[in-house]
């Protein structure tokens, strides 16, 4: 009788949670619709849509790689990929008729991993994670999923590789923050469980008692970008475009949002501090511009007029300098350091080690005083040069190449992207070229992945250096050609 009662209670809780989620979604959708209903909003949106249409002609040959939002397509997930606890759902539904105060209650119930300054997150894999799960291929303009099938090895991932991608994502965060992971033990009262059997890619926000799932449907969710993103939620973060200052940077087109999905664009509670960090389109925590779109070739999120150049940069491939700083500030990672490091070129004391600096892209060394040893340096003069970057067969889970272009002192540079191929994509999370034309390299910059016609508009530097960063975490070849000159 007792097991039956437990099952019935579990089902009742599940039904109540689902009803709560639906009610909260409806209320949040109503408030989002009110926020974006004014005349000024409509006029600005029409301008942004015209600007987009003039630079992004329709192209049905683009390869649309699934991300966690369209993989999940779940009305009961908070912000598209977040599981709330029953207490958080209750707070979201019952505490106050004000949506903003309900969301504030969600923040108040979000717990941090302990101890502060050196948090440890125990983890485990569900049984069967090592077994053969399937393969994935991106061919033509469609995504082809074939479980337990035979595909050419260049398009395949084995189950051992699945587990390694997860471990690589954990190691990535530990290499740049004070967060550490270890295998769960019997006496742990809080731990995460990597689960490949669930539908979609999702996680809880912050720490909760007992085991909490990080759902990574195989093979769709098994990319470094998705796993790194979900782990950031585990640390306690929400999405970039829900920040309290987002209306200064993006405009939402609710007319292109799928029915019942408006609530995913609600603003976060004020308790989720920005820690004084800048809004960043290229954050790994930013929605991609076509999130929940009815027409897949038109955005639901537009960069505002002053930031149109970042329209193609939303939804980062890897945690950025500022994404990393957010975690280090949340967990007070450098507060324990006897002194802060005297860093150069925008670097800060490393959250993973008090004895060195954490450097922005293009810098390395104890004090961020040197260039990375794996970077290619190209000297540029007033003669036009063509720089070619490419990847062939993939050798590891996330691959990157960095090129540093150097012009004579007192000169600036111009760059024009001539071509990107052989495949082209509407969003640059999984594969692309990022061009950093500014001396300050802390923020993610201009990304190209074939989403606009080439050649591109000229890009101008503010000094005599520029960075090219080619990256991918899916196994497709890519070749990019960029013309550069000093002036």
Protein backbone atom coordinates (compact mmCIF):
# COMPACT_ATOMS: atom_id res chain seq x y z
CA UNK A 1 0.00 0.00 0.00
CA UNK A 2 2.79 2.41 0.90
CA UNK A 3 4.54 2.27 -2.51
CA UNK A 4 1.17 2.84 -4.20
CA UNK A 5 0.49 5.84 -1.97
CA UNK A 6 3.92 7.28 -2.76
CA UNK A 7 3.27 6.89 -6.49
CA UNK A 8 -0.15 8.59 -6.17
CA UNK A 9 1.34 11.44 -4.16
CA UNK A 10 4.12 11.86 -6.72
CA UNK A 11 1.56 11.99 -9.52
CA UNK A 12 -0.50 14.54 -7.59
CA UNK A 13 2.56 16.74 -7.03
CA UNK A 14 3.43 16.42 -10.72
CA UNK A 15 -0.09 17.46 -11.77
CA UNK A 16 -0.10 20.40 -9.35
CA UNK A 17 3.33 21.50 -10.57
CA UNK A 18 2.12 21.31 -14.17
CA UNK A 19 -1.00 23.33 -13.34
CA UNK A 20 1.14 25.85 -11.46
CA UNK A 21 3.49 26.16 -14.41
CA UNK A 22 0.58 26.74 -16.79
CA UNK A 23 -0.95 29.40 -14.53
CA UNK A 24 2.36 31.20 -14.07
CA UNK A 25 3.04 31.03 -17.80
CA UNK A 26 -0.32 32.64 -18.56
CA UNK A 27 0.24 35.43 -16.03
CA UNK A 28 3.78 36.09 -17.22
CA UNK A 29 2.60 36.13 -20.84
CA UNK A 30 -0.03 38.74 -19.96
CA UNK A 31 2.58 40.97 -18.34
CA UNK A 32 5.02 40.58 -21.24
CA UNK A 33 2.28 41.53 -23.69
CA UNK A 34 1.54 44.65 -21.64
CA UNK A 35 5.23 45.59 -21.58
CA UNK A 36 5.50 45.45 -25.37
CA UNK A 37 2.20 47.05 -26.38
CA UNK A 38 2.97 50.79 -26.60
CA UNK A 39 3.11 52.96 -29.73
CA UNK A 40 6.83 53.66 -29.32
CA UNK A 41 7.50 49.94 -29.10
CA UNK A 42 5.58 49.24 -32.31
CA UNK A 43 7.31 52.04 -34.23
CA UNK A 44 10.78 50.93 -33.13
CA UNK A 45 10.02 47.30 -33.90
CA UNK A 46 8.92 48.15 -37.45
CA UNK A 47 12.19 50.02 -38.00
CA UNK A 48 14.25 47.09 -36.70
CA UNK A 49 12.33 44.59 -38.84
CA UNK A 50 12.96 46.66 -41.97
CA UNK A 51 16.65 46.94 -41.14
CA UNK A 52 16.88 43.18 -40.66
CA UNK A 53 15.05 42.38 -43.91
CA UNK A 54 17.39 44.66 -45.85
CA UNK A 55 20.48 42.79 -44.65
CA UNK A 56 19.14 39.23 -44.21
CA UNK A 57 17.44 37.96 -47.39
CA UNK A 58 15.47 34.76 -46.96
CA UNK A 59 17.62 31.67 -47.39
CA UNK A 60 16.15 28.18 -47.02
CA UNK A 61 19.57 26.53 -47.43
CA UNK A 62 20.76 27.57 -43.97
CA UNK A 63 21.48 24.67 -41.61
CA UNK A 64 19.39 25.10 -38.46
CA UNK A 65 21.16 23.36 -35.60
CA UNK A 66 18.85 22.63 -32.64
CA UNK A 67 19.56 24.33 -29.33
CA UNK A 68 18.04 23.68 -25.92
CA UNK A 69 14.99 25.91 -26.50
CA UNK A 70 13.66 24.30 -29.67
CA UNK A 71 14.75 20.84 -28.50
CA UNK A 72 12.70 21.28 -25.32
CA UNK A 73 9.68 23.15 -26.69
CA UNK A 74 8.15 22.74 -23.24
CA UNK A 75 5.54 25.12 -21.82
CA UNK A 76 6.21 23.99 -18.24
CA UNK A 77 9.90 24.94 -18.17
CA UNK A 78 10.84 28.33 -16.75
CA UNK A 79 12.56 30.47 -19.43
CA UNK A 80 12.55 27.51 -21.78
CA UNK A 81 15.09 25.22 -20.08
CA UNK A 82 14.87 25.68 -16.29
CA UNK A 83 13.16 23.35 -13.78
CA UNK A 84 11.78 25.09 -10.70
CA UNK A 85 11.39 23.29 -7.39
CA UNK A 86 7.84 22.79 -6.03
CA UNK A 87 8.60 25.57 -3.54
CA UNK A 88 9.67 27.90 -6.33
CA UNK A 89 6.55 27.08 -8.35
CA UNK A 90 4.41 27.70 -5.27
CA UNK A 91 6.13 31.03 -4.73
CA UNK A 92 5.69 31.91 -8.37
CA UNK A 93 1.98 31.13 -8.19
CA UNK A 94 0.77 31.96 -4.68
CA UNK A 95 2.81 34.57 -2.86
CA UNK A 96 1.56 37.76 -4.45
CA UNK A 97 -0.65 38.92 -7.33
CA UNK A 98 2.32 40.92 -8.65
CA UNK A 99 4.31 38.93 -11.22
CA UNK A 100 7.48 40.86 -10.40
CA UNK A 101 7.20 40.01 -6.68
CA UNK A 102 6.49 36.37 -7.50
CA UNK A 103 9.66 36.23 -9.59
CA UNK A 104 11.50 37.90 -6.73
CA UNK A 105 10.33 35.04 -4.52
CA UNK A 106 11.91 32.60 -6.98
CA UNK A 107 15.20 34.41 -6.44
CA UNK A 108 14.79 34.25 -2.65
CA UNK A 109 14.37 30.47 -2.91
CA UNK A 110 17.42 29.99 -5.15
CA UNK A 111 20.25 28.52 -3.10
CA UNK A 112 23.96 28.75 -3.79
CA UNK A 113 26.38 25.84 -3.67
CA UNK A 114 28.66 25.79 -0.65
CA UNK A 115 31.03 26.82 0.72
CA UNK A 116 31.06 30.35 -0.69
CA UNK A 117 34.46 31.10 -2.18
CA UNK A 118 35.13 27.42 -2.88
CA UNK A 119 31.85 25.72 -3.86
CA UNK A 120 31.87 21.99 -4.57
CA UNK A 121 29.22 20.32 -6.74
CA UNK A 122 28.98 16.53 -6.45
CA UNK A 123 27.85 14.80 -9.64
CA UNK A 124 26.92 11.42 -11.03
CA UNK A 125 25.79 9.94 -14.34
CA UNK A 126 22.56 7.98 -14.62
CA UNK A 127 22.90 4.27 -15.21
CA UNK A 128 23.46 3.51 -18.87
CA UNK A 129 25.26 6.73 -19.72
CA UNK A 130 28.20 4.65 -20.95
CA UNK A 131 26.04 2.56 -23.29
CA UNK A 132 25.76 3.31 -26.99
CA UNK A 133 23.20 6.10 -27.34
CA UNK A 134 23.13 7.01 -30.98
CA UNK A 135 24.64 9.39 -33.48
CA UNK A 136 23.86 12.77 -34.95
CA UNK A 137 24.57 14.26 -38.33
CA UNK A 138 24.02 17.71 -39.74
CA UNK A 139 23.49 17.17 -43.45
CA UNK A 140 22.09 19.64 -45.95
CA UNK A 141 19.53 22.04 -44.51
CA UNK A 142 18.02 19.48 -42.14
CA UNK A 143 19.10 17.94 -38.87
CA UNK A 144 19.16 14.15 -39.12
CA UNK A 145 18.84 12.12 -35.92
CA UNK A 146 19.34 8.38 -36.04
CA UNK A 147 19.49 6.46 -32.79
CA UNK A 148 21.61 3.31 -32.75
CA UNK A 149 22.37 3.73 -36.43
CA UNK A 150 25.49 3.57 -38.51
CA UNK A 151 26.74 6.88 -39.89
CA UNK A 152 30.11 7.89 -41.29
CA UNK A 153 32.57 8.25 -38.38
CA UNK A 154 33.12 11.93 -39.05
CA UNK A 155 29.47 12.55 -38.04
CA UNK A 156 29.35 10.19 -35.06
CA UNK A 157 29.74 10.43 -31.30
CA UNK A 158 30.19 7.35 -29.13
CA UNK A 159 28.80 7.13 -25.61
CA UNK A 160 32.33 7.44 -24.20
CA UNK A 161 32.64 10.74 -26.03
CA UNK A 162 29.28 11.85 -24.60
CA UNK A 163 30.59 11.46 -21.08
CA UNK A 164 33.84 13.18 -22.03
CA UNK A 165 31.96 16.20 -23.41
CA UNK A 166 30.24 16.55 -20.02
CA UNK A 167 33.55 16.24 -18.18
CA UNK A 168 35.14 18.78 -20.53
CA UNK A 169 32.36 21.26 -19.73
CA UNK A 170 32.89 20.79 -15.99
CA UNK A 171 36.66 21.16 -16.41
CA UNK A 172 36.12 24.32 -18.45
CA UNK A 173 34.23 26.01 -15.61
CA UNK A 174 36.68 24.79 -12.97
CA UNK A 175 39.63 26.16 -14.96
CA UNK A 176 38.28 29.73 -14.73
CA UNK A 177 36.20 29.87 -11.53
CA UNK A 178 36.39 28.58 -7.97
CA UNK A 179 33.62 26.04 -8.66
CA UNK A 180 34.79 22.44 -8.33
CA UNK A 181 33.11 19.16 -9.23
CA UNK A 182 33.62 15.72 -7.71
CA UNK A 183 31.85 12.39 -7.94
CA UNK A 184 28.85 12.14 -5.62
CA UNK A 185 29.03 10.03 -2.46
CA UNK A 186 26.32 8.36 -0.37
CA UNK A 187 26.34 11.06 2.30
CA UNK A 188 25.94 14.03 -0.08
CA UNK A 189 22.69 15.87 0.62
CA UNK A 190 22.80 17.77 -2.69
CA UNK A 191 24.21 16.64 -6.03
CA UNK A 192 23.55 16.83 -9.76
CA UNK A 193 22.67 13.89 -11.99
CA UNK A 194 23.54 13.96 -15.68
CA UNK A 195 20.66 12.23 -17.44
CA UNK A 196 20.66 11.32 -21.13
CA UNK A 197 17.24 9.62 -21.07
CA UNK A 198 15.08 12.72 -20.53
CA UNK A 199 13.51 14.71 -23.33
CA UNK A 200 15.37 17.94 -24.01
CA UNK A 201 18.16 19.93 -22.37
CA UNK A 202 17.29 21.46 -19.00
CA UNK A 203 18.41 21.97 -15.42
CA UNK A 204 17.46 23.52 -12.10
CA UNK A 205 18.55 27.01 -11.12
CA UNK A 206 20.95 26.95 -8.17
CA UNK A 207 21.31 24.22 -5.56
CA UNK A 208 18.49 22.08 -4.21
CA UNK A 209 18.37 19.28 -1.64
CA UNK A 210 18.77 15.77 -2.90
CA UNK A 211 19.56 14.92 -6.49
CA UNK A 212 18.76 17.41 -9.24
CA UNK A 213 18.82 16.44 -12.88
CA UNK A 214 20.81 18.06 -15.63
CA UNK A 215 18.84 16.64 -18.54
CA UNK A 216 20.90 16.11 -21.68
CA UNK A 217 18.90 14.24 -24.28
CA UNK A 218 21.27 12.20 -26.40
CA UNK A 219 22.46 13.01 -28.91
CA UNK A 220 20.91 16.47 -29.39
CA UNK A 221 22.15 18.06 -26.15
CA UNK A 222 25.65 16.60 -26.23
CA UNK A 223 27.55 19.72 -27.23
CA UNK A 224 30.00 21.69 -25.14
CA UNK A 225 27.94 24.85 -25.63
CA UNK A 226 24.67 23.39 -24.34
CA UNK A 227 26.24 21.62 -21.36
CA UNK A 228 28.23 24.70 -20.34
CA UNK A 229 25.02 26.75 -20.58
CA UNK A 230 23.04 24.32 -18.41
CA UNK A 231 25.80 24.22 -15.80
CA UNK A 232 25.60 28.01 -15.53
CA UNK A 233 21.93 27.57 -14.57
CA UNK A 234 23.03 25.02 -11.97
CA UNK A 235 25.30 27.70 -10.50
CA UNK A 236 22.25 29.98 -10.14
CA UNK A 237 22.05 32.16 -13.27
CA UNK A 238 19.10 33.01 -15.51
CA UNK A 239 19.26 34.23 -19.13
CA UNK A 240 20.97 37.41 -20.30
CA UNK A 241 18.00 38.85 -22.21
CA UNK A 242 15.81 38.68 -19.07
CA UNK A 243 18.08 41.10 -17.17
CA UNK A 244 16.38 44.12 -15.63
CA UNK A 245 18.22 46.42 -18.09
CA UNK A 246 17.43 44.39 -21.22
CA UNK A 247 15.00 46.97 -22.67
CA UNK A 248 17.96 49.24 -23.38
CA UNK A 249 19.53 46.60 -25.61
CA UNK A 250 16.92 44.35 -27.24
CA UNK A 251 13.40 44.56 -28.62
CA UNK A 252 11.05 41.56 -28.58
CA UNK A 253 8.69 40.85 -31.48
CA UNK A 254 5.77 39.09 -29.80
CA UNK A 255 3.92 38.85 -33.13
CA UNK A 256 6.44 36.19 -34.16
CA UNK A 257 6.46 34.28 -30.85
CA UNK A 258 4.67 30.92 -30.81
CA UNK A 259 1.36 30.82 -28.99
CA UNK A 260 1.80 30.20 -25.28
CA UNK A 261 5.51 31.05 -25.30
CA UNK A 262 5.35 34.79 -24.50
CA UNK A 263 6.18 34.14 -20.84
CA UNK A 264 9.73 33.12 -21.75
CA UNK A 265 10.52 36.78 -22.44
CA UNK A 266 9.55 38.08 -18.99
CA UNK A 267 12.08 40.18 -17.09
CA UNK A 268 13.96 38.57 -14.21
CA UNK A 269 13.49 39.67 -10.58
CA UNK A 270 15.74 42.46 -9.38
CA UNK A 271 17.40 40.14 -6.85
CA UNK A 272 19.33 38.52 -9.69
CA UNK A 273 22.04 41.17 -9.64
CA UNK A 274 23.97 42.19 -12.75
CA UNK A 275 26.99 42.75 -10.44
CA UNK A 276 27.78 45.84 -12.47
CA UNK A 277 28.69 43.72 -15.50
CA UNK A 278 27.75 44.90 -19.01
CA UNK A 279 24.91 43.51 -21.09
CA UNK A 280 26.48 41.11 -23.59
CA UNK A 281 24.78 39.89 -26.76
CA UNK A 282 27.44 37.21 -27.21
CA UNK A 283 26.96 35.68 -23.76
CA UNK A 284 26.48 31.94 -23.61
CA UNK A 285 23.38 32.75 -21.52
CA UNK A 286 21.69 34.88 -24.21
CA UNK A 287 18.75 33.45 -26.18
CA UNK A 288 19.44 32.98 -29.87
CA UNK A 289 17.60 35.61 -31.95
CA UNK A 290 15.00 33.17 -33.33
CA UNK A 291 13.88 31.78 -29.95
CA UNK A 292 10.30 30.43 -30.06
CA UNK A 293 9.71 31.95 -33.52
CA UNK A 294 6.70 31.19 -35.69
CA UNK A 295 8.60 32.14 -38.84
CA UNK A 296 12.05 30.54 -38.40
CA UNK A 297 13.67 33.07 -40.74
CA UNK A 298 12.56 36.10 -38.72
CA UNK A 299 13.90 36.95 -35.24
CA UNK A 300 11.90 37.24 -32.07
CA UNK A 301 14.76 39.26 -30.55
CA UNK A 302 16.20 42.32 -32.28
CA UNK A 303 19.27 44.24 -31.19
CA UNK A 304 18.31 47.90 -30.68
CA UNK A 305 19.22 50.51 -33.28
CA UNK A 306 22.51 51.53 -31.62
CA UNK A 307 23.63 47.88 -31.52
CA UNK A 308 22.49 46.47 -34.87
CA UNK A 309 25.99 45.11 -35.51
CA UNK A 310 25.38 42.52 -32.76
CA UNK A 311 22.22 41.00 -34.27
CA UNK A 312 24.18 37.95 -35.45
CA UNK A 313 26.24 37.64 -32.27
CA UNK A 314 23.53 36.47 -29.85
CA UNK A 315 23.85 33.08 -28.14
CA UNK A 316 27.53 32.42 -27.48
CA UNK A 317 29.49 29.24 -28.22
CA UNK A 318 31.45 29.37 -24.97
CA UNK A 319 31.29 31.22 -21.66
CA UNK A 320 32.76 34.67 -22.24
CA UNK A 321 35.02 36.79 -20.05
CA UNK A 322 31.91 38.46 -18.55
CA UNK A 323 30.03 35.14 -18.15
CA UNK A 324 32.99 33.94 -16.14
CA UNK A 325 33.14 37.12 -14.08
CA UNK A 326 29.47 36.70 -13.18
CA UNK A 327 30.11 33.29 -11.61
CA UNK A 328 33.24 34.51 -9.84
CA UNK A 329 31.36 37.46 -8.38
CA UNK A 330 28.32 35.36 -7.39
CA UNK A 331 30.52 32.94 -5.47
CA UNK A 332 33.01 35.55 -4.17
CA UNK A 333 35.80 33.53 -5.75
CA UNK A 334 38.58 36.08 -5.28
CA UNK A 335 37.52 37.41 -1.86
CA UNK A 336 39.78 34.85 -0.22
CA UNK A 337 42.86 36.12 -2.07
CA UNK A 338 45.33 37.99 0.15
CA UNK A 339 45.69 40.58 -2.59
CA UNK A 340 44.31 41.24 -6.04
CA UNK A 341 46.71 40.70 -8.92
CA UNK A 342 48.07 43.73 -10.85
CA UNK A 343 46.71 42.63 -14.23
CA UNK A 344 47.19 44.27 -17.62
CA UNK A 345 44.94 44.57 -20.69
CA UNK A 346 41.66 44.22 -18.82
CA UNK A 347 42.60 41.10 -16.88
CA UNK A 348 41.40 40.39 -13.34
CA UNK A 349 42.48 38.09 -10.52
CA UNK A 350 41.68 34.54 -11.61
CA UNK A 351 38.77 32.94 -9.77
CA UNK A 352 40.52 29.57 -10.02
CA UNK A 353 43.89 30.76 -8.65
CA UNK A 354 44.87 33.82 -6.61
CA UNK A 355 48.39 33.77 -8.06
CA UNK A 356 47.55 34.65 -11.66
CA UNK A 357 45.27 36.81 -13.77
CA UNK A 358 42.25 35.74 -15.79
CA UNK A 359 42.75 37.27 -19.21
CA UNK A 360 40.42 38.53 -21.94
CA UNK A 361 40.61 36.95 -25.38
CA UNK A 362 43.98 37.53 -27.05
CA UNK A 363 46.01 37.83 -23.84
CA UNK A 364 47.93 35.37 -21.67
CA UNK A 365 50.67 35.17 -19.05
CA UNK A 366 50.60 35.61 -15.29
CA UNK A 367 49.62 39.27 -15.66
CA UNK A 368 47.94 39.16 -19.12
CA UNK A 369 51.08 40.78 -20.46
CA UNK A 370 51.76 38.41 -23.38
CA UNK A 371 49.97 36.87 -26.33
CA UNK A 372 48.77 33.22 -26.21
CA UNK A 373 51.42 30.81 -27.48
CA UNK A 374 48.87 29.03 -29.69
CA UNK A 375 47.81 32.23 -31.48
CA UNK A 376 48.95 32.98 -35.02
CA UNK A 377 50.24 36.55 -35.41
CA UNK A 378 49.94 38.25 -38.82
CA UNK A 379 51.53 41.61 -39.57
CA UNK A 380 49.32 43.82 -41.72
CA UNK A 381 50.36 46.78 -43.89
CA UNK A 382 48.50 48.99 -46.34
CA UNK A 383 48.45 46.25 -48.98
CA UNK A 384 45.26 44.16 -48.96
CA UNK A 385 45.91 40.66 -47.60
CA UNK A 386 43.56 37.69 -47.67
CA UNK A 387 43.50 35.68 -44.45
CA UNK A 388 42.15 32.13 -44.67
CA UNK A 389 40.99 30.14 -41.63
CA UNK A 390 39.61 26.61 -41.76
CA UNK A 391 38.74 23.40 -39.91
CA UNK A 392 38.72 19.93 -41.45
CA UNK A 393 37.79 16.70 -39.66
CA UNK A 394 37.04 17.32 -36.00
CA UNK A 395 39.58 16.02 -33.49
CA UNK A 396 37.97 17.02 -30.16
CA UNK A 397 34.74 18.32 -28.63
CA UNK A 398 35.37 22.07 -28.92
CA UNK A 399 37.92 23.46 -31.35
CA UNK A 400 39.20 26.99 -31.77
CA UNK A 401 41.85 28.99 -33.61
CA UNK A 402 43.00 32.48 -32.72
CA UNK A 403 44.64 34.89 -35.16
CA UNK A 404 46.06 38.23 -33.97
CA UNK A 405 46.46 40.88 -36.66
CA UNK A 406 48.98 43.62 -35.99
CA UNK A 407 49.33 46.89 -37.93
CA UNK A 408 52.12 49.46 -37.46
CA UNK A 409 51.77 51.85 -34.52
CA UNK A 410 49.41 54.71 -35.27
CA UNK A 411 47.56 52.74 -37.96
CA UNK A 412 44.07 51.24 -37.92
CA UNK A 413 42.71 48.29 -39.90
CA UNK A 414 39.81 47.40 -42.14
CA UNK A 415 38.43 43.86 -42.48
CA UNK A 416 35.87 42.47 -44.94
CA UNK A 417 34.57 38.90 -44.67
CA UNK A 418 34.63 37.60 -48.25
CA UNK A 419 33.23 34.11 -47.75
CA UNK A 420 32.05 31.55 -45.19
CA UNK A 421 31.40 27.95 -46.19
CA UNK A 422 30.74 25.35 -47.34
CA UNK A 423 27.75 25.37 -44.95
CA UNK A 424 25.92 28.44 -43.68
CA UNK A 425 23.90 28.92 -40.51
CA UNK A 426 21.31 31.40 -39.16
CA UNK A 427 22.98 31.46 -35.73
CA UNK A 428 26.62 31.28 -34.71
CA UNK A 429 26.54 29.32 -31.46
CA UNK A 430 27.99 26.05 -32.74
CA UNK A 431 30.28 27.26 -35.50
CA UNK A 432 31.49 30.66 -36.63
CA UNK A 433 34.09 33.40 -36.84
CA UNK A 434 34.23 36.15 -34.22
CA UNK A 435 36.02 39.37 -35.15
CA UNK A 436 37.17 41.59 -32.27
CA UNK A 437 38.06 45.01 -33.73
CA UNK A 438 38.55 46.80 -30.40
CA UNK A 439 41.56 47.24 -28.13
CA UNK A 440 39.37 46.22 -25.18
CA UNK A 441 38.75 42.53 -25.87
CA UNK A 442 36.67 41.69 -22.80
CA UNK A 443 33.27 41.65 -24.55
CA UNK A 444 32.17 39.20 -27.24
CA UNK A 445 32.03 40.97 -30.58
CA UNK A 446 30.97 40.46 -34.20
CA UNK A 447 30.15 36.90 -35.28
CA UNK A 448 29.82 35.51 -38.79
CA UNK A 449 28.52 32.10 -39.82
CA UNK A 450 26.96 32.68 -43.22
CA UNK A 451 23.82 34.34 -41.89
CA UNK A 452 24.28 37.43 -44.11
CA UNK A 453 25.37 37.80 -47.76
CA UNK A 454 29.09 38.20 -48.47
CA UNK A 455 31.22 40.20 -48.83
CA UNK A 456 30.35 41.79 -45.50
CA UNK A 457 30.31 45.48 -44.73
CA UNK A 458 33.77 46.79 -43.74
CA UNK A 459 34.76 46.42 -40.10
CA UNK A 460 37.11 49.04 -38.67
CA UNK A 461 39.38 48.77 -35.65
CA UNK A 462 39.85 51.44 -32.97
CA UNK A 463 43.58 50.71 -32.78
CA UNK A 464 46.31 48.77 -34.52
CA UNK A 465 45.24 45.26 -33.47
CA UNK A 466 42.37 42.94 -34.33
CA UNK A 467 41.44 39.36 -33.37
CA UNK A 468 39.96 36.59 -35.51
CA UNK A 469 38.54 33.68 -33.47
CA UNK A 470 37.33 30.62 -35.42
CA UNK A 471 35.43 28.04 -33.36
CA UNK A 472 33.14 25.01 -33.61
CA UNK A 473 31.66 22.31 -31.40
CA UNK A 474 29.99 20.29 -34.16
CA UNK A 475 31.82 18.21 -36.72
CA UNK A 476 31.33 20.17 -39.91
CA UNK A 477 34.14 21.60 -42.04
CA UNK A 478 34.44 25.35 -42.36
CA UNK A 479 36.55 27.72 -44.44
CA UNK A 480 36.52 31.50 -44.01
CA UNK A 481 38.32 34.17 -46.04
CA UNK A 482 38.77 37.74 -44.78
CA UNK A 483 40.47 40.66 -46.55
CA UNK A 484 42.44 42.98 -44.27
CA UNK A 485 44.49 46.12 -44.74
CA UNK A 486 46.00 48.88 -42.62
CA UNK A 487 45.23 52.54 -43.22
